[in-house]
């Protein structure tokens, strides 16, 4: 059974934060249990989230919850080993709504230690992305 592979030692970086206001819109809010907080990117195309796991993981599902009107339209998930070069794992096309969305990842996907979600464009005219919840399911301790 797949479980969340995110842990307190998972390192996260993001492309931008709205007005650099990390106290109100920082990346940490994608992972907290509070449904009223979110990561809000600044404007611009190709916003991204980079996750670095403390150990290799086998991913099986991506779960995202956007703010309607600020969701990714054409997105991709890339991954690699700790020192490897990011390679495409999945192209996905979220719906523009507030629902928690799930994207299965092929069993053929490689074991990774880094994952990068790239939001190539947004439903927002200015390219902003708002994510209330992000989770990666899979297996750890391979």
N, C-alpha and C. Protein backbone atom coordinates (compact mmCIF):
# COMPACT_ATOMS: atom_id res chain seq x y z
N UNK A 1 0.84 -1.19 0.00
CA UNK A 1 0.00 0.00 0.00
C UNK A 1 0.88 1.25 0.00
N UNK A 2 0.53 2.20 -0.83
CA UNK A 2 1.30 3.43 -0.94
C UNK A 2 0.98 4.36 0.22
N UNK A 3 2.01 5.01 0.72
CA UNK A 3 1.88 5.99 1.80
C UNK A 3 2.61 7.26 1.37
N UNK A 4 2.40 8.33 2.10
CA UNK A 4 3.11 9.57 1.79
C UNK A 4 4.61 9.37 2.00
N UNK A 5 5.40 9.78 1.01
CA UNK A 5 6.85 9.69 1.13
C UNK A 5 7.46 11.00 1.63
N UNK A 6 6.61 11.98 1.88
CA UNK A 6 7.08 13.25 2.43
C UNK A 6 7.33 13.08 3.92
N UNK A 7 8.42 13.64 4.40
CA UNK A 7 8.74 13.58 5.83
C UNK A 7 9.39 14.89 6.24
N UNK A 8 9.69 15.00 7.52
CA UNK A 8 10.28 16.26 8.02
C UNK A 8 11.66 16.53 7.42
N UNK A 9 12.32 15.50 6.91
CA UNK A 9 13.64 15.68 6.30
C UNK A 9 13.58 15.89 4.79
N UNK A 10 12.37 15.95 4.22
CA UNK A 10 12.23 16.25 2.80
C UNK A 10 12.47 17.74 2.61
N UNK A 11 13.41 18.07 1.75
CA UNK A 11 13.76 19.47 1.49
C UNK A 11 12.94 19.96 0.30
N UNK A 12 12.36 21.15 0.41
CA UNK A 12 11.52 21.71 -0.64
C UNK A 12 12.04 23.09 -1.05
N UNK A 13 12.06 23.32 -2.36
CA UNK A 13 12.35 24.65 -2.91
C UNK A 13 11.26 24.99 -3.91
N UNK A 14 10.98 26.27 -4.07
CA UNK A 14 9.97 26.71 -5.04
C UNK A 14 10.56 27.81 -5.91
N UNK A 15 9.94 28.00 -7.06
CA UNK A 15 10.42 29.00 -8.01
C UNK A 15 10.27 30.42 -7.50
N UNK A 16 9.18 30.69 -6.77
CA UNK A 16 8.93 32.05 -6.28
C UNK A 16 7.83 32.02 -5.23
N UNK A 17 7.71 33.12 -4.51
CA UNK A 17 6.63 33.31 -3.53
C UNK A 17 6.06 34.70 -3.78
N UNK A 18 4.74 34.81 -3.78
CA UNK A 18 4.07 36.07 -4.07
C UNK A 18 4.63 37.19 -3.19
N UNK A 19 5.13 38.23 -3.81
CA UNK A 19 5.71 39.40 -3.13
C UNK A 19 6.78 39.03 -2.10
N UNK A 20 7.37 37.85 -2.26
CA UNK A 20 8.40 37.33 -1.33
C UNK A 20 7.89 37.25 0.11
N UNK A 21 6.59 37.11 0.27
CA UNK A 21 5.94 37.06 1.58
C UNK A 21 5.85 35.61 2.05
N UNK A 22 6.99 35.04 2.48
CA UNK A 22 7.02 33.63 2.88
C UNK A 22 6.24 33.35 4.16
N UNK A 23 6.03 34.36 4.99
CA UNK A 23 5.26 34.15 6.22
C UNK A 23 3.78 33.93 5.93
N UNK A 24 3.30 34.48 4.83
CA UNK A 24 1.89 34.32 4.50
C UNK A 24 1.66 33.31 3.37
N UNK A 25 2.61 33.19 2.43
CA UNK A 25 2.39 32.37 1.23
C UNK A 25 3.53 31.38 0.95
N UNK A 26 4.32 31.04 1.96
CA UNK A 26 5.50 30.19 1.76
C UNK A 26 5.20 28.75 1.42
N UNK A 27 6.25 28.07 0.97
CA UNK A 27 6.15 26.67 0.53
C UNK A 27 5.69 25.73 1.63
N UNK A 28 5.97 26.05 2.89
CA UNK A 28 5.61 25.17 4.00
C UNK A 28 4.11 24.93 4.10
N UNK A 29 3.32 25.84 3.56
CA UNK A 29 1.87 25.73 3.68
C UNK A 29 1.27 24.68 2.76
N UNK A 30 2.04 24.16 1.81
CA UNK A 30 1.54 23.06 0.96
C UNK A 30 1.46 21.76 1.75
N UNK A 31 2.19 21.69 2.85
CA UNK A 31 2.33 20.43 3.58
C UNK A 31 1.67 20.45 4.96
N UNK A 32 1.12 21.58 5.37
CA UNK A 32 0.49 21.64 6.69
C UNK A 32 -0.96 21.14 6.60
N UNK A 33 -1.55 20.78 7.73
CA UNK A 33 -2.92 20.25 7.71
C UNK A 33 -4.00 21.33 7.61
N UNK A 34 -3.61 22.60 7.62
CA UNK A 34 -4.56 23.70 7.62
C UNK A 34 -5.07 23.95 6.20
N UNK A 35 -6.36 23.80 5.98
CA UNK A 35 -6.91 23.97 4.63
C UNK A 35 -7.05 25.43 4.21
N UNK A 36 -6.72 26.37 5.09
CA UNK A 36 -6.81 27.79 4.77
C UNK A 36 -5.47 28.40 4.35
N UNK A 37 -4.39 27.62 4.38
CA UNK A 37 -3.08 28.15 4.02
C UNK A 37 -2.62 27.54 2.70
N UNK A 38 -1.73 28.27 2.00
CA UNK A 38 -1.30 27.81 0.69
C UNK A 38 0.05 28.40 0.32
N UNK A 39 0.68 27.76 -0.69
CA UNK A 39 1.82 28.37 -1.36
C UNK A 39 1.25 29.15 -2.53
N UNK A 40 1.68 30.39 -2.66
CA UNK A 40 1.23 31.25 -3.74
C UNK A 40 2.48 31.73 -4.47
N UNK A 41 2.62 31.32 -5.73
CA UNK A 41 3.79 31.76 -6.49
C UNK A 41 3.62 33.21 -6.92
N UNK A 42 4.71 33.80 -7.31
CA UNK A 42 4.64 35.11 -7.94
C UNK A 42 4.26 34.90 -9.39
N UNK A 43 4.14 35.95 -10.17
CA UNK A 43 3.74 35.79 -11.56
C UNK A 43 4.90 35.32 -12.42
N UNK A 44 4.57 34.76 -13.57
CA UNK A 44 5.57 34.29 -14.52
C UNK A 44 5.32 32.84 -14.92
N UNK A 45 5.72 32.49 -16.12
CA UNK A 45 5.53 31.13 -16.60
C UNK A 45 6.56 30.19 -15.98
N UNK A 46 6.25 28.91 -16.06
CA UNK A 46 7.12 27.82 -15.58
C UNK A 46 7.47 27.94 -14.09
N UNK A 47 6.45 28.06 -13.27
CA UNK A 47 6.65 27.98 -11.83
C UNK A 47 6.95 26.51 -11.50
N UNK A 48 7.65 26.25 -10.40
CA UNK A 48 8.01 24.87 -10.07
C UNK A 48 8.16 24.66 -8.58
N UNK A 49 8.10 23.37 -8.20
CA UNK A 49 8.35 22.91 -6.83
C UNK A 49 9.36 21.77 -6.94
N UNK A 50 10.45 21.85 -6.19
CA UNK A 50 11.49 20.82 -6.20
C UNK A 50 11.52 20.16 -4.82
N UNK A 51 11.40 18.84 -4.81
CA UNK A 51 11.45 18.07 -3.56
C UNK A 51 12.69 17.19 -3.58
N UNK A 52 13.45 17.20 -2.47
CA UNK A 52 14.61 16.34 -2.32
C UNK A 52 14.38 15.47 -1.10
N UNK A 53 14.33 14.15 -1.32
CA UNK A 53 14.05 13.20 -0.24
C UNK A 53 15.35 12.77 0.42
N UNK A 54 15.31 12.41 1.71
CA UNK A 54 16.53 11.99 2.40
C UNK A 54 17.05 10.63 1.93
N UNK A 55 16.18 9.83 1.30
CA UNK A 55 16.55 8.51 0.79
C UNK A 55 15.74 8.26 -0.48
N UNK A 56 16.17 7.31 -1.31
CA UNK A 56 15.43 7.02 -2.54
C UNK A 56 14.00 6.57 -2.25
N UNK A 57 13.09 6.93 -3.17
CA UNK A 57 11.68 6.57 -3.04
C UNK A 57 11.16 6.09 -4.39
N UNK A 58 10.17 5.23 -4.34
CA UNK A 58 9.46 4.76 -5.53
C UNK A 58 8.09 5.42 -5.49
N UNK A 59 7.84 6.37 -6.37
CA UNK A 59 6.59 7.14 -6.33
C UNK A 59 5.50 6.44 -7.14
N UNK A 60 4.25 6.56 -6.66
CA UNK A 60 3.14 5.92 -7.36
C UNK A 60 1.96 6.86 -7.62
N UNK A 61 1.93 8.00 -6.91
CA UNK A 61 0.80 8.91 -7.09
C UNK A 61 1.18 10.31 -6.64
N UNK A 62 0.68 11.28 -7.38
CA UNK A 62 0.85 12.70 -7.07
C UNK A 62 -0.53 13.25 -6.72
N UNK A 63 -0.63 13.97 -5.60
CA UNK A 63 -1.89 14.59 -5.21
C UNK A 63 -1.68 16.09 -5.04
N UNK A 64 -2.56 16.87 -5.67
CA UNK A 64 -2.47 18.33 -5.64
C UNK A 64 -3.85 18.93 -5.44
N UNK A 65 -3.87 20.03 -4.69
CA UNK A 65 -5.10 20.82 -4.59
C UNK A 65 -4.74 22.27 -4.87
N UNK A 66 -5.30 22.79 -5.96
CA UNK A 66 -5.07 24.17 -6.38
C UNK A 66 -6.20 25.07 -5.90
N UNK A 67 -5.98 26.37 -6.03
CA UNK A 67 -7.06 27.36 -5.95
C UNK A 67 -7.60 27.49 -7.36
N UNK A 68 -8.90 27.31 -7.55
CA UNK A 68 -9.49 27.49 -8.86
C UNK A 68 -9.15 28.86 -9.42
N UNK A 69 -8.79 28.91 -10.69
CA UNK A 69 -8.38 30.15 -11.31
C UNK A 69 -6.87 30.37 -11.25
N UNK A 70 -6.18 29.54 -10.44
CA UNK A 70 -4.73 29.66 -10.27
C UNK A 70 -4.07 28.28 -10.32
N UNK A 71 -4.60 27.41 -11.16
CA UNK A 71 -4.05 26.06 -11.26
C UNK A 71 -3.13 25.95 -12.46
N UNK A 72 -2.29 24.92 -12.42
CA UNK A 72 -1.46 24.62 -13.57
C UNK A 72 -2.34 24.06 -14.68
N UNK A 73 -2.00 24.35 -15.92
CA UNK A 73 -2.76 23.80 -17.06
C UNK A 73 -1.99 22.66 -17.70
N UNK A 74 -0.77 22.92 -18.10
CA UNK A 74 0.10 21.91 -18.69
C UNK A 74 1.29 21.75 -17.74
N UNK A 75 1.41 20.55 -17.15
CA UNK A 75 2.40 20.34 -16.10
C UNK A 75 3.21 19.08 -16.38
N UNK A 76 4.37 19.00 -15.74
CA UNK A 76 5.16 17.78 -15.85
C UNK A 76 5.83 17.49 -14.52
N UNK A 77 6.06 16.20 -14.30
CA UNK A 77 6.78 15.72 -13.13
C UNK A 77 8.09 15.13 -13.64
N UNK A 78 9.19 15.60 -13.05
CA UNK A 78 10.51 15.10 -13.41
C UNK A 78 11.16 14.51 -12.18
N UNK A 79 12.08 13.58 -12.37
CA UNK A 79 12.76 12.98 -11.24
C UNK A 79 14.13 12.50 -11.60
N UNK A 80 14.94 12.23 -10.56
CA UNK A 80 16.28 11.70 -10.77
C UNK A 80 16.84 11.19 -9.44
N UNK A 81 17.98 10.52 -9.54
CA UNK A 81 18.71 10.11 -8.35
C UNK A 81 19.29 11.36 -7.69
N UNK A 82 19.99 11.19 -6.59
CA UNK A 82 20.51 12.33 -5.84
C UNK A 82 21.38 13.25 -6.69
N UNK A 83 22.24 12.69 -7.50
CA UNK A 83 23.16 13.50 -8.31
C UNK A 83 22.84 13.44 -9.80
N UNK A 84 21.72 12.84 -10.16
CA UNK A 84 21.39 12.64 -11.57
C UNK A 84 20.81 13.87 -12.24
N UNK A 85 20.47 13.70 -13.50
CA UNK A 85 19.86 14.74 -14.31
C UNK A 85 18.36 14.47 -14.34
N UNK A 86 17.57 15.51 -14.10
CA UNK A 86 16.11 15.35 -14.09
C UNK A 86 15.61 14.85 -15.43
N UNK A 87 14.72 13.83 -15.38
CA UNK A 87 14.11 13.27 -16.57
C UNK A 87 12.61 13.22 -16.39
N UNK A 88 11.88 13.38 -17.49
CA UNK A 88 10.42 13.39 -17.44
C UNK A 88 9.88 12.05 -16.97
N UNK A 89 8.96 12.11 -16.00
CA UNK A 89 8.26 10.93 -15.49
C UNK A 89 6.80 10.94 -15.94
N UNK A 90 6.19 12.13 -15.92
CA UNK A 90 4.76 12.22 -16.18
C UNK A 90 4.39 13.61 -16.69
N UNK A 91 3.54 13.64 -17.70
CA UNK A 91 2.88 14.88 -18.10
C UNK A 91 1.47 14.81 -17.53
N UNK A 92 1.00 15.89 -16.93
CA UNK A 92 -0.36 15.87 -16.38
C UNK A 92 -1.03 17.21 -16.60
N UNK A 93 -2.36 17.16 -16.63
CA UNK A 93 -3.17 18.31 -17.01
C UNK A 93 -4.29 18.48 -15.98
N UNK A 94 -4.03 19.22 -14.91
CA UNK A 94 -5.03 19.39 -13.85
C UNK A 94 -6.27 20.15 -14.33
N UNK A 95 -7.37 19.89 -13.66
CA UNK A 95 -8.58 20.66 -13.89
C UNK A 95 -8.46 21.96 -13.12
N UNK A 96 -9.11 22.99 -13.62
CA UNK A 96 -9.05 24.32 -12.98
C UNK A 96 -10.17 24.42 -11.95
N UNK A 97 -9.94 23.81 -10.78
CA UNK A 97 -10.93 23.86 -9.70
C UNK A 97 -10.24 23.72 -8.35
N UNK A 98 -11.04 23.68 -7.29
CA UNK A 98 -10.51 23.61 -5.92
C UNK A 98 -10.40 22.19 -5.38
N UNK A 99 -10.73 21.19 -6.19
CA UNK A 99 -10.75 19.80 -5.72
C UNK A 99 -9.36 19.22 -5.56
N UNK A 100 -9.22 18.28 -4.62
CA UNK A 100 -7.99 17.50 -4.51
C UNK A 100 -7.93 16.59 -5.73
N UNK A 101 -6.85 16.69 -6.50
CA UNK A 101 -6.71 15.92 -7.72
C UNK A 101 -5.58 14.91 -7.57
N UNK A 102 -5.79 13.75 -8.15
CA UNK A 102 -4.83 12.66 -8.05
C UNK A 102 -4.35 12.26 -9.43
N UNK A 103 -3.03 12.04 -9.54
CA UNK A 103 -2.42 11.66 -10.82
C UNK A 103 -1.56 10.42 -10.58
N UNK A 104 -2.00 9.26 -11.10
CA UNK A 104 -1.21 8.04 -10.93
C UNK A 104 0.09 8.12 -11.71
N UNK A 105 1.12 7.51 -11.16
CA UNK A 105 2.44 7.49 -11.78
C UNK A 105 2.74 6.04 -12.17
N UNK A 106 3.21 5.84 -13.36
CA UNK A 106 3.47 4.50 -13.90
C UNK A 106 4.40 3.69 -12.99
N UNK A 107 4.14 2.40 -12.94
CA UNK A 107 5.01 1.50 -12.17
C UNK A 107 6.40 1.44 -12.78
N UNK A 108 6.52 1.86 -14.03
CA UNK A 108 7.82 1.87 -14.71
C UNK A 108 8.67 3.07 -14.32
N UNK A 109 8.11 3.99 -13.54
CA UNK A 109 8.85 5.19 -13.14
C UNK A 109 10.07 4.78 -12.32
N UNK A 110 11.17 5.48 -12.50
CA UNK A 110 12.40 5.12 -11.77
C UNK A 110 12.32 5.47 -10.28
N UNK A 111 13.16 4.82 -9.51
CA UNK A 111 13.35 5.20 -8.11
C UNK A 111 14.08 6.54 -8.13
N UNK A 112 13.62 7.48 -7.32
CA UNK A 112 14.17 8.84 -7.36
C UNK A 112 14.52 9.34 -5.96
N UNK A 113 15.35 10.35 -5.93
CA UNK A 113 15.61 11.06 -4.69
C UNK A 113 15.27 12.55 -4.83
N UNK A 114 15.02 12.99 -6.07
CA UNK A 114 14.57 14.35 -6.35
C UNK A 114 13.37 14.28 -7.27
N UNK A 115 12.38 15.13 -6.99
CA UNK A 115 11.22 15.29 -7.86
C UNK A 115 11.00 16.76 -8.11
N UNK A 116 10.66 17.09 -9.33
CA UNK A 116 10.38 18.48 -9.67
C UNK A 116 9.04 18.54 -10.40
N UNK A 117 8.11 19.30 -9.85
CA UNK A 117 6.84 19.57 -10.49
C UNK A 117 6.99 20.89 -11.23
N UNK A 118 6.76 20.88 -12.51
CA UNK A 118 6.88 22.09 -13.33
C UNK A 118 5.50 22.45 -13.86
N UNK A 119 5.05 23.64 -13.50
CA UNK A 119 3.78 24.16 -13.97
C UNK A 119 4.12 25.06 -15.17
N UNK A 120 4.08 24.48 -16.37
CA UNK A 120 4.54 25.18 -17.56
C UNK A 120 3.71 26.40 -17.88
N UNK A 121 2.44 26.36 -17.53
CA UNK A 121 1.58 27.52 -17.67
C UNK A 121 0.44 27.40 -16.67
N UNK A 122 -0.31 28.47 -16.52
CA UNK A 122 -1.31 28.56 -15.47
C UNK A 122 -2.64 29.03 -16.04
N UNK A 123 -3.72 28.73 -15.34
CA UNK A 123 -5.02 29.25 -15.74
C UNK A 123 -5.13 30.73 -15.40
N UNK A 124 -4.22 31.26 -14.59
CA UNK A 124 -4.18 32.68 -14.26
C UNK A 124 -3.46 33.44 -15.38
N UNK A 125 -4.00 34.56 -15.76
CA UNK A 125 -3.44 35.37 -16.84
C UNK A 125 -1.98 35.76 -16.57
N UNK A 126 -1.62 35.96 -15.30
CA UNK A 126 -0.26 36.39 -14.94
C UNK A 126 0.68 35.22 -14.64
N UNK A 127 0.17 33.99 -14.71
CA UNK A 127 1.03 32.82 -14.49
C UNK A 127 1.19 32.41 -13.05
N UNK A 128 0.38 32.97 -12.15
CA UNK A 128 0.50 32.59 -10.74
C UNK A 128 -0.11 31.22 -10.50
N UNK A 129 0.47 30.50 -9.54
CA UNK A 129 0.00 29.18 -9.12
C UNK A 129 -0.29 29.26 -7.62
N UNK A 130 -1.42 28.68 -7.20
CA UNK A 130 -1.75 28.60 -5.78
C UNK A 130 -2.02 27.14 -5.45
N UNK A 131 -1.21 26.57 -4.54
CA UNK A 131 -1.34 25.17 -4.13
C UNK A 131 -1.66 25.11 -2.64
N UNK A 132 -2.81 24.52 -2.32
CA UNK A 132 -3.21 24.34 -0.92
C UNK A 132 -2.65 23.06 -0.34
N UNK A 133 -2.50 22.05 -1.17
CA UNK A 133 -2.06 20.75 -0.67
C UNK A 133 -1.24 20.03 -1.73
N UNK A 134 -0.13 19.45 -1.30
CA UNK A 134 0.72 18.64 -2.18
C UNK A 134 1.15 17.40 -1.41
N UNK A 135 0.99 16.24 -2.01
CA UNK A 135 1.45 15.00 -1.39
C UNK A 135 1.95 14.07 -2.48
N UNK A 136 2.95 13.29 -2.14
CA UNK A 136 3.52 12.28 -3.03
C UNK A 136 3.37 10.94 -2.33
N UNK A 137 2.71 9.99 -2.98
CA UNK A 137 2.54 8.66 -2.42
C UNK A 137 3.52 7.70 -3.08
N UNK A 138 3.91 6.68 -2.31
CA UNK A 138 4.83 5.68 -2.84
C UNK A 138 5.38 4.83 -1.73
N UNK A 139 6.62 4.37 -1.95
CA UNK A 139 7.31 3.49 -0.98
C UNK A 139 8.67 4.08 -0.66
N UNK A 140 9.04 3.99 0.62
CA UNK A 140 10.36 4.42 1.05
C UNK A 140 11.19 3.19 1.41
N UNK A 141 12.41 3.42 1.83
CA UNK A 141 13.29 2.35 2.33
C UNK A 141 13.39 1.21 1.34
N UNK A 142 13.85 1.52 0.15
CA UNK A 142 13.95 0.51 -0.90
C UNK A 142 15.22 -0.30 -0.77
